[in-house]
Amino acid sequence: MNRVAVRNAPAEPAAPRLVPLQRMRELIDSHQAITLSSHERFQMFVRYDNTWWIGTYDGYCEIISEDHNRKLDTWRRRLTEGALWG
C-alpha cells in the first residue's frame, strides 16, 4: 500500500479590521497611535495595535501583510531618524 503525505493547507489570512476615521483621530490625539510622519502627505498611514493601517474614505483599514508592515516600520525610521546608512 502506498502512503501519501498530506500537508496541512495554509491558513487563510485574517480579514483586515477597520477603524472609523473619528476613532483613529482620537487614538492619534491620545498618542495610542502614531502616523508614519508628521508631514501631511504621510498621515494616511498610522501605526496602531502593533500593525500599520491605511486611511480610506470610510475609515482606517489594517494592513495585514507582515512584509508591508516591516517596510512601513523601516520608512518610519527613515522619515523620523534620517537615512539608515552612512
PDB file of N, CA and C in Angstrom:
ATOM      1  N   MET A   1       0.842  -1.171   0.000  1.00  0.00           N
ATOM      2  CA  MET A   1       0.000   0.000   0.000  1.00  0.00           C
ATOM      3  C   MET A   1       0.891   1.240   0.000  1.00  0.00           C
ATOM      4  N   ASN A   2       0.607   2.172  -0.877  1.00  0.00           N
ATOM      5  CA  ASN A   2       1.368   3.415  -0.949  1.00  0.00           C
ATOM      6  C   ASN A   2       0.853   4.408   0.078  1.00  0.00           C
ATOM      7  N   ARG A   3       1.792   5.085   0.675  1.00  0.00           N
ATOM      8  CA  ARG A   3       1.413   6.129   1.625  1.00  0.00           C
ATOM      9  C   ARG A   3       1.508   7.476   0.925  1.00  0.00           C
ATOM     10  N   VAL A   4       0.569   8.306   1.191  1.00  0.00           N
ATOM     11  CA  VAL A   4       0.544   9.648   0.609  1.00  0.00           C
ATOM     12  C   VAL A   4       0.718  10.651   1.736  1.00  0.00           C
ATOM     13  N   ALA A   5       1.714  11.501   1.564  1.00  0.00           N
ATOM     14  CA  ALA A   5       1.918  12.551   2.562  1.00  0.00           C
ATOM     15  C   ALA A   5       0.857  13.631   2.362  1.00  0.00           C
ATOM     16  N   VAL A   6       0.246  14.011   3.443  1.00  0.00           N
ATOM     17  CA  VAL A   6      -0.783  15.045   3.388  1.00  0.00           C
ATOM     18  C   VAL A   6      -0.260  16.259   4.137  1.00  0.00           C
ATOM     19  N   ARG A   7      -0.236  17.361   3.431  1.00  0.00           N
ATOM     20  CA  ARG A   7       0.186  18.611   4.065  1.00  0.00           C
ATOM     21  C   ARG A   7      -1.043  19.379   4.510  1.00  0.00           C
ATOM     22  N   ASN A   8      -0.870  20.074   5.590  1.00  0.00           N
ATOM     23  CA  ASN A   8      -1.955  20.942   6.025  1.00  0.00           C
ATOM     24  C   ASN A   8      -2.042  22.122   5.067  1.00  0.00           C
ATOM     25  N   ALA A   9      -3.232  22.465   4.695  1.00  0.00           N
ATOM     26  CA  ALA A   9      -3.427  23.618   3.817  1.00  0.00           C
ATOM     27  C   ALA A   9      -3.037  24.882   4.575  1.00  0.00           C
ATOM     28  N   PRO A  10      -2.444  25.829   3.858  1.00  0.00           N
ATOM     29  CA  PRO A  10      -2.083  27.071   4.557  1.00  0.00           C
ATOM     30  C   PRO A  10      -3.320  27.759   5.108  1.00  0.00           C
ATOM     31  N   ALA A  11      -3.149  28.354   6.272  1.00  0.00           N
ATOM     32  CA  ALA A  11      -4.274  29.034   6.901  1.00  0.00           C
ATOM     33  C   ALA A  11      -4.651  30.272   6.094  1.00  0.00           C
ATOM     34  N   GLU A  12      -5.910  30.527   6.032  1.00  0.00           N
ATOM     35  CA  GLU A  12      -6.388  31.734   5.357  1.00  0.00           C
ATOM     36  C   GLU A  12      -5.966  32.944   6.185  1.00  0.00           C
ATOM     37  N   PRO A  13      -5.483  33.992   5.525  1.00  0.00           N
ATOM     38  CA  PRO A  13      -5.124  35.183   6.294  1.00  0.00           C
ATOM     39  C   PRO A  13      -6.362  35.795   6.937  1.00  0.00           C
ATOM     40  N   ALA A  14      -6.145  36.401   8.074  1.00  0.00           N
ATOM     41  CA  ALA A  14      -7.254  37.051   8.766  1.00  0.00           C
ATOM     42  C   ALA A  14      -7.743  38.236   7.939  1.00  0.00           C
ATOM     43  N   ALA A  15      -9.010  38.481   8.004  1.00  0.00           N
ATOM     44  CA  ALA A  15      -9.564  39.641   7.290  1.00  0.00           C
ATOM     45  C   ALA A  15      -9.095  40.910   7.997  1.00  0.00           C
ATOM     46  N   PRO A  16      -8.740  41.939   7.238  1.00  0.00           N
ATOM     47  CA  PRO A  16      -8.307  43.181   7.873  1.00  0.00           C
ATOM     48  C   PRO A  16      -9.434  43.831   8.675  1.00  0.00           C
ATOM     49  N   ARG A  17      -9.044  44.445   9.775  1.00  0.00           N
ATOM     50  CA  ARG A  17     -10.017  45.163  10.602  1.00  0.00           C
ATOM     51  C   ARG A  17     -10.165  46.590  10.066  1.00  0.00           C
ATOM     52  N   LEU A  18     -11.242  47.246  10.458  1.00  0.00           N
ATOM     53  CA  LEU A  18     -11.499  48.620  10.045  1.00  0.00           C
ATOM     54  C   LEU A  18     -11.794  49.455  11.292  1.00  0.00           C
ATOM     55  N   VAL A  19     -11.128  50.608  11.392  1.00  0.00           N
ATOM     56  CA  VAL A  19     -11.361  51.545  12.487  1.00  0.00           C
ATOM     57  C   VAL A  19     -11.963  52.811  11.875  1.00  0.00           C
ATOM     58  N   PRO A  20     -13.081  53.297  12.414  1.00  0.00           N
ATOM     59  CA  PRO A  20     -13.686  54.521  11.878  1.00  0.00           C
ATOM     60  C   PRO A  20     -12.711  55.708  11.958  1.00  0.00           C
ATOM     61  N   LEU A  21     -12.855  56.654  11.034  1.00  0.00           N
ATOM     62  CA  LEU A  21     -11.970  57.814  10.976  1.00  0.00           C
ATOM     63  C   LEU A  21     -11.905  58.563  12.304  1.00  0.00           C
ATOM     64  N   GLN A  22     -13.059  58.863  12.890  1.00  0.00           N
ATOM     65  CA  GLN A  22     -13.090  59.624  14.142  1.00  0.00           C
ATOM     66  C   GLN A  22     -12.380  58.882  15.266  1.00  0.00           C
ATOM     67  N   ARG A  23     -12.567  57.568  15.348  1.00  0.00           N
ATOM     68  CA  ARG A  23     -11.916  56.774  16.404  1.00  0.00           C
ATOM     69  C   ARG A  23     -10.396  56.805  16.232  1.00  0.00           C
ATOM     70  N   MET A  24      -9.914  56.694  14.990  1.00  0.00           N
ATOM     71  CA  MET A  24      -8.465  56.718  14.782  1.00  0.00           C
ATOM     72  C   MET A  24      -7.910  58.098  15.118  1.00  0.00           C
ATOM     73  N   ARG A  25      -8.643  59.144  14.796  1.00  0.00           N
ATOM     74  CA  ARG A  25      -8.188  60.502  15.181  1.00  0.00           C
ATOM     75  C   ARG A  25      -8.048  60.617  16.690  1.00  0.00           C
ATOM     76  N   GLU A  26      -9.011  60.043  17.418  1.00  0.00           N
ATOM     77  CA  GLU A  26      -8.940  60.045  18.885  1.00  0.00           C
ATOM     78  C   GLU A  26      -7.715  59.275  19.369  1.00  0.00           C
ATOM     79  N   LEU A  27      -7.436  58.141  18.749  1.00  0.00           N
ATOM     80  CA  LEU A  27      -6.267  57.340  19.135  1.00  0.00           C
ATOM     81  C   LEU A  27      -4.971  58.092  18.850  1.00  0.00           C
ATOM     82  N   ILE A  28      -4.921  58.808  17.735  1.00  0.00           N
ATOM     83  CA  ILE A  28      -3.736  59.606  17.402  1.00  0.00           C
ATOM     84  C   ILE A  28      -3.586  60.741  18.406  1.00  0.00           C
ATOM     85  N   ASP A  29      -4.674  61.445  18.700  1.00  0.00           N
ATOM     86  CA  ASP A  29      -4.634  62.568  19.641  1.00  0.00           C
ATOM     87  C   ASP A  29      -4.212  62.134  21.041  1.00  0.00           C
ATOM     88  N   SER A  30      -4.569  60.919  21.426  1.00  0.00           N
ATOM     89  CA  SER A  30      -4.216  60.410  22.760  1.00  0.00           C
ATOM     90  C   SER A  30      -2.886  59.649  22.750  1.00  0.00           C
ATOM     91  N   HIS A  31      -2.168  59.695  21.632  1.00  0.00           N
ATOM     92  CA  HIS A  31      -0.846  59.069  21.464  1.00  0.00           C
ATOM     93  C   HIS A  31      -0.878  57.548  21.593  1.00  0.00           C
ATOM     94  N   GLN A  32      -2.024  56.950  21.327  1.00  0.00           N
ATOM     95  CA  GLN A  32      -2.124  55.489  21.285  1.00  0.00           C
ATOM     96  C   GLN A  32      -1.822  54.969  19.891  1.00  0.00           C
ATOM     97  N   ALA A  33      -1.796  55.880  18.926  1.00  0.00           N
ATOM     98  CA  ALA A  33      -1.465  55.555  17.537  1.00  0.00           C
ATOM     99  C   ALA A  33      -0.543  56.660  17.033  1.00  0.00           C
ATOM    100  N   ILE A  34       0.333  56.309  16.075  1.00  0.00           N
ATOM    101  CA  ILE A  34       1.263  57.295  15.517  1.00  0.00           C
ATOM    102  C   ILE A  34       1.181  57.269  13.994  1.00  0.00           C
ATOM    103  N   THR A  35       1.378  58.424  13.393  1.00  0.00           N
ATOM    104  CA  THR A  35       1.385  58.493  11.939  1.00  0.00           C
ATOM    105  C   THR A  35       2.776  58.140  11.421  1.00  0.00           C
ATOM    106  N   LEU A  36       2.843  57.795  10.160  1.00  0.00           N
ATOM    107  CA  LEU A  36       4.121  57.447   9.536  1.00  0.00           C
ATOM    108  C   LEU A  36       5.087  58.615   9.637  1.00  0.00           C
ATOM    109  N   SER A  37       4.569  59.823   9.503  1.00  0.00           N
ATOM    110  CA  SER A  37       5.380  61.036   9.584  1.00  0.00           C
ATOM    111  C   SER A  37       4.461  62.191   9.949  1.00  0.00           C
ATOM    112  N   SER A  38       5.027  63.255  10.479  1.00  0.00           N
ATOM    113  CA  SER A  38       4.214  64.429  10.785  1.00  0.00           C
ATOM    114  C   SER A  38       3.834  65.178   9.510  1.00  0.00           C
ATOM    115  N   HIS A  39       4.520  64.892   8.419  1.00  0.00           N
ATOM    116  CA  HIS A  39       4.208  65.517   7.132  1.00  0.00           C
ATOM    117  C   HIS A  39       2.837  65.037   6.674  1.00  0.00           C
ATOM    118  N   GLU A  40       2.005  65.980   6.271  1.00  0.00           N
ATOM    119  CA  GLU A  40       0.618  65.661   5.898  1.00  0.00           C
ATOM    120  C   GLU A  40       0.526  64.565   4.832  1.00  0.00           C
ATOM    121  N   ARG A  41       1.484  64.538   3.940  1.00  0.00           N
ATOM    122  CA  ARG A  41       1.478  63.561   2.843  1.00  0.00           C
ATOM    123  C   ARG A  41       1.471  62.114   3.344  1.00  0.00           C
ATOM    124  N   PHE A  42       2.064  61.873   4.505  1.00  0.00           N
ATOM    125  CA  PHE A  42       2.211  60.504   5.008  1.00  0.00           C
ATOM    126  C   PHE A  42       1.241  60.162   6.144  1.00  0.00           C
ATOM    127  N   GLN A  43       0.331  61.056   6.468  1.00  0.00           N
ATOM    128  CA  GLN A  43      -0.553  60.806   7.602  1.00  0.00           C
ATOM    129  C   GLN A  43      -1.666  59.812   7.304  1.00  0.00           C
ATOM    130  N   MET A  44      -1.737  59.335   6.082  1.00  0.00           N
ATOM    131  CA  MET A  44      -2.719  58.305   5.756  1.00  0.00           C
ATOM    132  C   MET A  44      -2.301  56.940   6.314  1.00  0.00           C
ATOM    133  N   PHE A  45      -1.012  56.819   6.692  1.00  0.00           N
ATOM    134  CA  PHE A  45      -0.516  55.579   7.303  1.00  0.00           C
ATOM    135  C   PHE A  45      -0.391  55.790   8.804  1.00  0.00           C
ATOM    136  N   VAL A  46      -0.981  54.883   9.584  1.00  0.00           N
ATOM    137  CA  VAL A  46      -0.990  55.005  11.044  1.00  0.00           C
ATOM    138  C   VAL A  46      -0.579  53.670  11.662  1.00  0.00           C
ATOM    139  N   ARG A  47       0.288  53.743  12.668  1.00  0.00           N
ATOM    140  CA  ARG A  47       0.695  52.541  13.418  1.00  0.00           C
ATOM    141  C   ARG A  47      -0.150  52.477  14.677  1.00  0.00           C
ATOM    142  N   TYR A  48      -0.906  51.390  14.815  1.00  0.00           N
ATOM    143  CA  TYR A  48      -1.795  51.203  15.966  1.00  0.00           C
ATOM    144  C   TYR A  48      -1.944  49.705  16.227  1.00  0.00           C
ATOM    145  N   ASP A  49      -1.957  49.334  17.481  1.00  0.00           N
ATOM    146  CA  ASP A  49      -2.174  47.936  17.875  1.00  0.00           C
ATOM    147  C   ASP A  49      -1.161  47.007  17.199  1.00  0.00           C
ATOM    148  N   ASN A  50       0.104  47.454  17.182  1.00  0.00           N
ATOM    149  CA  ASN A  50       1.228  46.675  16.653  1.00  0.00           C
ATOM    150  C   ASN A  50       1.148  46.372  15.161  1.00  0.00           C
ATOM    151  N   THR A  51       0.415  47.164  14.418  1.00  0.00           N
ATOM    152  CA  THR A  51       0.341  46.985  12.969  1.00  0.00           C
ATOM    153  C   THR A  51       0.074  48.329  12.305  1.00  0.00           C
ATOM    154  N   TRP A  52       0.269  48.379  11.005  1.00  0.00           N
ATOM    155  CA  TRP A  52       0.020  49.595  10.238  1.00  0.00           C
ATOM    156  C   TRP A  52      -1.373  49.570   9.640  1.00  0.00           C
ATOM    157  N   TRP A  53      -1.936  50.757   9.484  1.00  0.00           N
ATOM    158  CA  TRP A  53      -3.269  50.945   8.932  1.00  0.00           C
ATOM    159  C   TRP A  53      -3.174  51.994   7.843  1.00  0.00           C
ATOM    160  N   ILE A  54      -4.053  51.920   6.858  1.00  0.00           N
ATOM    161  CA  ILE A  54      -4.100  52.925   5.801  1.00  0.00           C
ATOM    162  C   ILE A  54      -5.489  53.569   5.796  1.00  0.00           C
ATOM    163  N   GLY A  55      -5.483  54.896   5.698  1.00  0.00           N
ATOM    164  CA  GLY A  55      -6.736  55.639   5.711  1.00  0.00           C
ATOM    165  C   GLY A  55      -7.479  55.511   4.395  1.00  0.00           C
ATOM    166  N   THR A  56      -8.765  55.300   4.490  1.00  0.00           N
ATOM    167  CA  THR A  56      -9.644  55.247   3.325  1.00  0.00           C
ATOM    168  C   THR A  56     -10.783  56.236   3.564  1.00  0.00           C
ATOM    169  N   TYR A  57     -11.669  56.357   2.618  1.00  0.00           N
ATOM    170  CA  TYR A  57     -12.769  57.312   2.761  1.00  0.00           C
ATOM    171  C   TYR A  57     -13.722  56.956   3.896  1.00  0.00           C
ATOM    172  N   ASP A  58     -13.752  55.698   4.327  1.00  0.00           N
ATOM    173  CA  ASP A  58     -14.690  55.306   5.378  1.00  0.00           C
ATOM    174  C   ASP A  58     -14.026  54.821   6.659  1.00  0.00           C
ATOM    175  N   GLY A  59     -12.721  54.967   6.759  1.00  0.00           N
ATOM    176  CA  GLY A  59     -12.030  54.557   7.976  1.00  0.00           C
ATOM    177  C   GLY A  59     -10.604  54.130   7.682  1.00  0.00           C
ATOM    178  N   TYR A  60      -9.980  53.543   8.666  1.00  0.00           N
ATOM    179  CA  TYR A  60      -8.617  53.036   8.505  1.00  0.00           C
ATOM    180  C   TYR A  60      -8.669  51.518   8.427  1.00  0.00           C
ATOM    181  N   CYS A  61      -8.058  50.982   7.385  1.00  0.00           N
ATOM    182  CA  CYS A  61      -8.048  49.548   7.130  1.00  0.00           C
ATOM    183  C   CYS A  61      -6.692  48.985   7.552  1.00  0.00           C
ATOM    184  N   GLU A  62      -6.711  47.908   8.296  1.00  0.00           N
ATOM    185  CA  GLU A  62      -5.489  47.273   8.774  1.00  0.00           C
ATOM    186  C   GLU A  62      -4.703  46.665   7.611  1.00  0.00           C
ATOM    187  N   ILE A  63      -3.399  46.859   7.624  1.00  0.00           N
ATOM    188  CA  ILE A  63      -2.510  46.222   6.651  1.00  0.00           C
ATOM    189  C   ILE A  63      -2.054  44.909   7.275  1.00  0.00           C
ATOM    190  N   ILE A  64      -2.484  43.799   6.707  1.00  0.00           N
ATOM    191  CA  ILE A  64      -2.237  42.504   7.347  1.00  0.00           C
ATOM    192  C   ILE A  64      -0.964  41.822   6.866  1.00  0.00           C
ATOM    193  N   SER A  65      -0.337  42.344   5.838  1.00  0.00           N
ATOM    194  CA  SER A  65       0.896  41.750   5.328  1.00  0.00           C
ATOM    195  C   SER A  65       2.060  42.073   6.260  1.00  0.00           C
ATOM    196  N   GLU A  66       2.711  41.045   6.784  1.00  0.00           N
ATOM    197  CA  GLU A  66       3.862  41.253   7.662  1.00  0.00           C
ATOM    198  C   GLU A  66       4.993  41.955   6.914  1.00  0.00           C
ATOM    199  N   ASP A  67       5.162  41.607   5.643  1.00  0.00           N
ATOM    200  CA  ASP A  67       6.206  42.228   4.831  1.00  0.00           C
ATOM    201  C   ASP A  67       5.950  43.729   4.673  1.00  0.00           C
ATOM    202  N   HIS A  68       4.731  44.099   4.384  1.00  0.00           N
ATOM    203  CA  HIS A  68       4.401  45.516   4.243  1.00  0.00           C
ATOM    204  C   HIS A  68       4.550  46.257   5.569  1.00  0.00           C
ATOM    205  N   ASN A  69       4.197  45.606   6.670  1.00  0.00           N
ATOM    206  CA  ASN A  69       4.368  46.228   7.984  1.00  0.00           C
ATOM    207  C   ASN A  69       5.841  46.487   8.276  1.00  0.00           C
ATOM    208  N   ARG A  70       6.710  45.539   7.943  1.00  0.00           N
ATOM    209  CA  ARG A  70       8.158  45.736   8.141  1.00  0.00           C
ATOM    210  C   ARG A  70       8.667  46.897   7.298  1.00  0.00           C
ATOM    211  N   LYS A  71       8.211  46.969   6.050  1.00  0.00           N
ATOM    212  CA  LYS A  71       8.638  48.069   5.172  1.00  0.00           C
ATOM    213  C   LYS A  71       8.200  49.422   5.730  1.00  0.00           C
ATOM    214  N   LEU A  72       6.975  49.492   6.222  1.00  0.00           N
ATOM    215  CA  LEU A  72       6.493  50.749   6.791  1.00  0.00           C
ATOM    216  C   LEU A  72       7.249  51.113   8.071  1.00  0.00           C
ATOM    217  N   ASP A  73       7.620  50.114   8.880  1.00  0.00           N
ATOM    218  CA  ASP A  73       8.450  50.385  10.057  1.00  0.00           C
ATOM    219  C   ASP A  73       9.782  51.006   9.633  1.00  0.00           C
ATOM    220  N   THR A  74      10.373  50.459   8.575  1.00  0.00           N
ATOM    221  CA  THR A  74      11.640  50.982   8.061  1.00  0.00           C
ATOM    222  C   THR A  74      11.456  52.414   7.552  1.00  0.00           C
ATOM    223  N   TRP A  75      10.401  52.667   6.817  1.00  0.00           N
ATOM    224  CA  TRP A  75      10.154  54.015   6.310  1.00  0.00           C
ATOM    225  C   TRP A  75       9.926  55.001   7.438  1.00  0.00           C
ATOM    226  N   ARG A  76       9.239  54.582   8.488  1.00  0.00           N
ATOM    227  CA  ARG A  76       9.035  55.485   9.638  1.00  0.00           C
ATOM    228  C   ARG A  76      10.375  55.873  10.234  1.00  0.00           C
ATOM    229  N   ARG A  77      11.256  54.884  10.417  1.00  0.00           N
ATOM    230  CA  ARG A  77      12.590  55.195  10.958  1.00  0.00           C
ATOM    231  C   ARG A  77      13.327  56.156  10.037  1.00  0.00           C
ATOM    232  N   ARG A  78      13.242  55.931   8.731  1.00  0.00           N
ATOM    233  CA  ARG A  78      13.922  56.820   7.775  1.00  0.00           C
ATOM    234  C   ARG A  78      13.368  58.230   7.823  1.00  0.00           C
ATOM    235  N   LEU A  79      12.050  58.351   7.943  1.00  0.00           N
ATOM    236  CA  LEU A  79      11.437  59.669   7.957  1.00  0.00           C
ATOM    237  C   LEU A  79      11.659  60.415   9.259  1.00  0.00           C
ATOM    238  N   THR A  80      11.827  59.686  10.358  1.00  0.00           N
ATOM    239  CA  THR A  80      11.978  60.347  11.669  1.00  0.00           C
ATOM    240  C   THR A  80      13.439  60.451  12.102  1.00  0.00           C
ATOM    241  N   GLU A  81      14.265  59.478  11.717  1.00  0.00           N
ATOM    242  CA  GLU A  81      15.670  59.462  12.158  1.00  0.00           C
ATOM    243  C   GLU A  81      16.644  59.828  11.061  1.00  0.00           C
ATOM    244  N   GLY A  82      16.168  59.948   9.845  1.00  0.00           N
ATOM    245  CA  GLY A  82      17.049  60.224   8.717  1.00  0.00           C
ATOM    246  C   GLY A  82      17.467  58.913   8.065  1.00  0.00           C
ATOM    247  N   ALA A  83      18.385  59.027   7.126  1.00  0.00           N
ATOM    248  CA  ALA A  83      18.854  57.847   6.374  1.00  0.00           C
ATOM    249  C   ALA A  83      19.400  56.798   7.322  1.00  0.00           C
ATOM    250  N   LEU A  84      19.171  55.538   6.994  1.00  0.00           N
ATOM    251  CA  LEU A  84      19.624  54.434   7.843  1.00  0.00           C
ATOM    252  C   LEU A  84      21.001  53.924   7.415  1.00  0.00           C
ATOM    253  N   TRP A  85      21.672  54.646   6.558  1.00  0.00           N
ATOM    254  CA  TRP A  85      23.006  54.267   6.104  1.00  0.00           C
ATOM    255  C   TRP A  85      23.947  55.444   6.319  1.00  0.00           C
ATOM    256  N   GLY A  86      25.220  55.161   6.281  1.00  0.00           N
ATOM    257  CA  GLY A  86      26.235  56.219   6.343  1.00  0.00           C
ATOM    258  C   GLY A  86      26.369  56.881   7.608  1.00  0.00           C
TER     259      GLY A  86
END
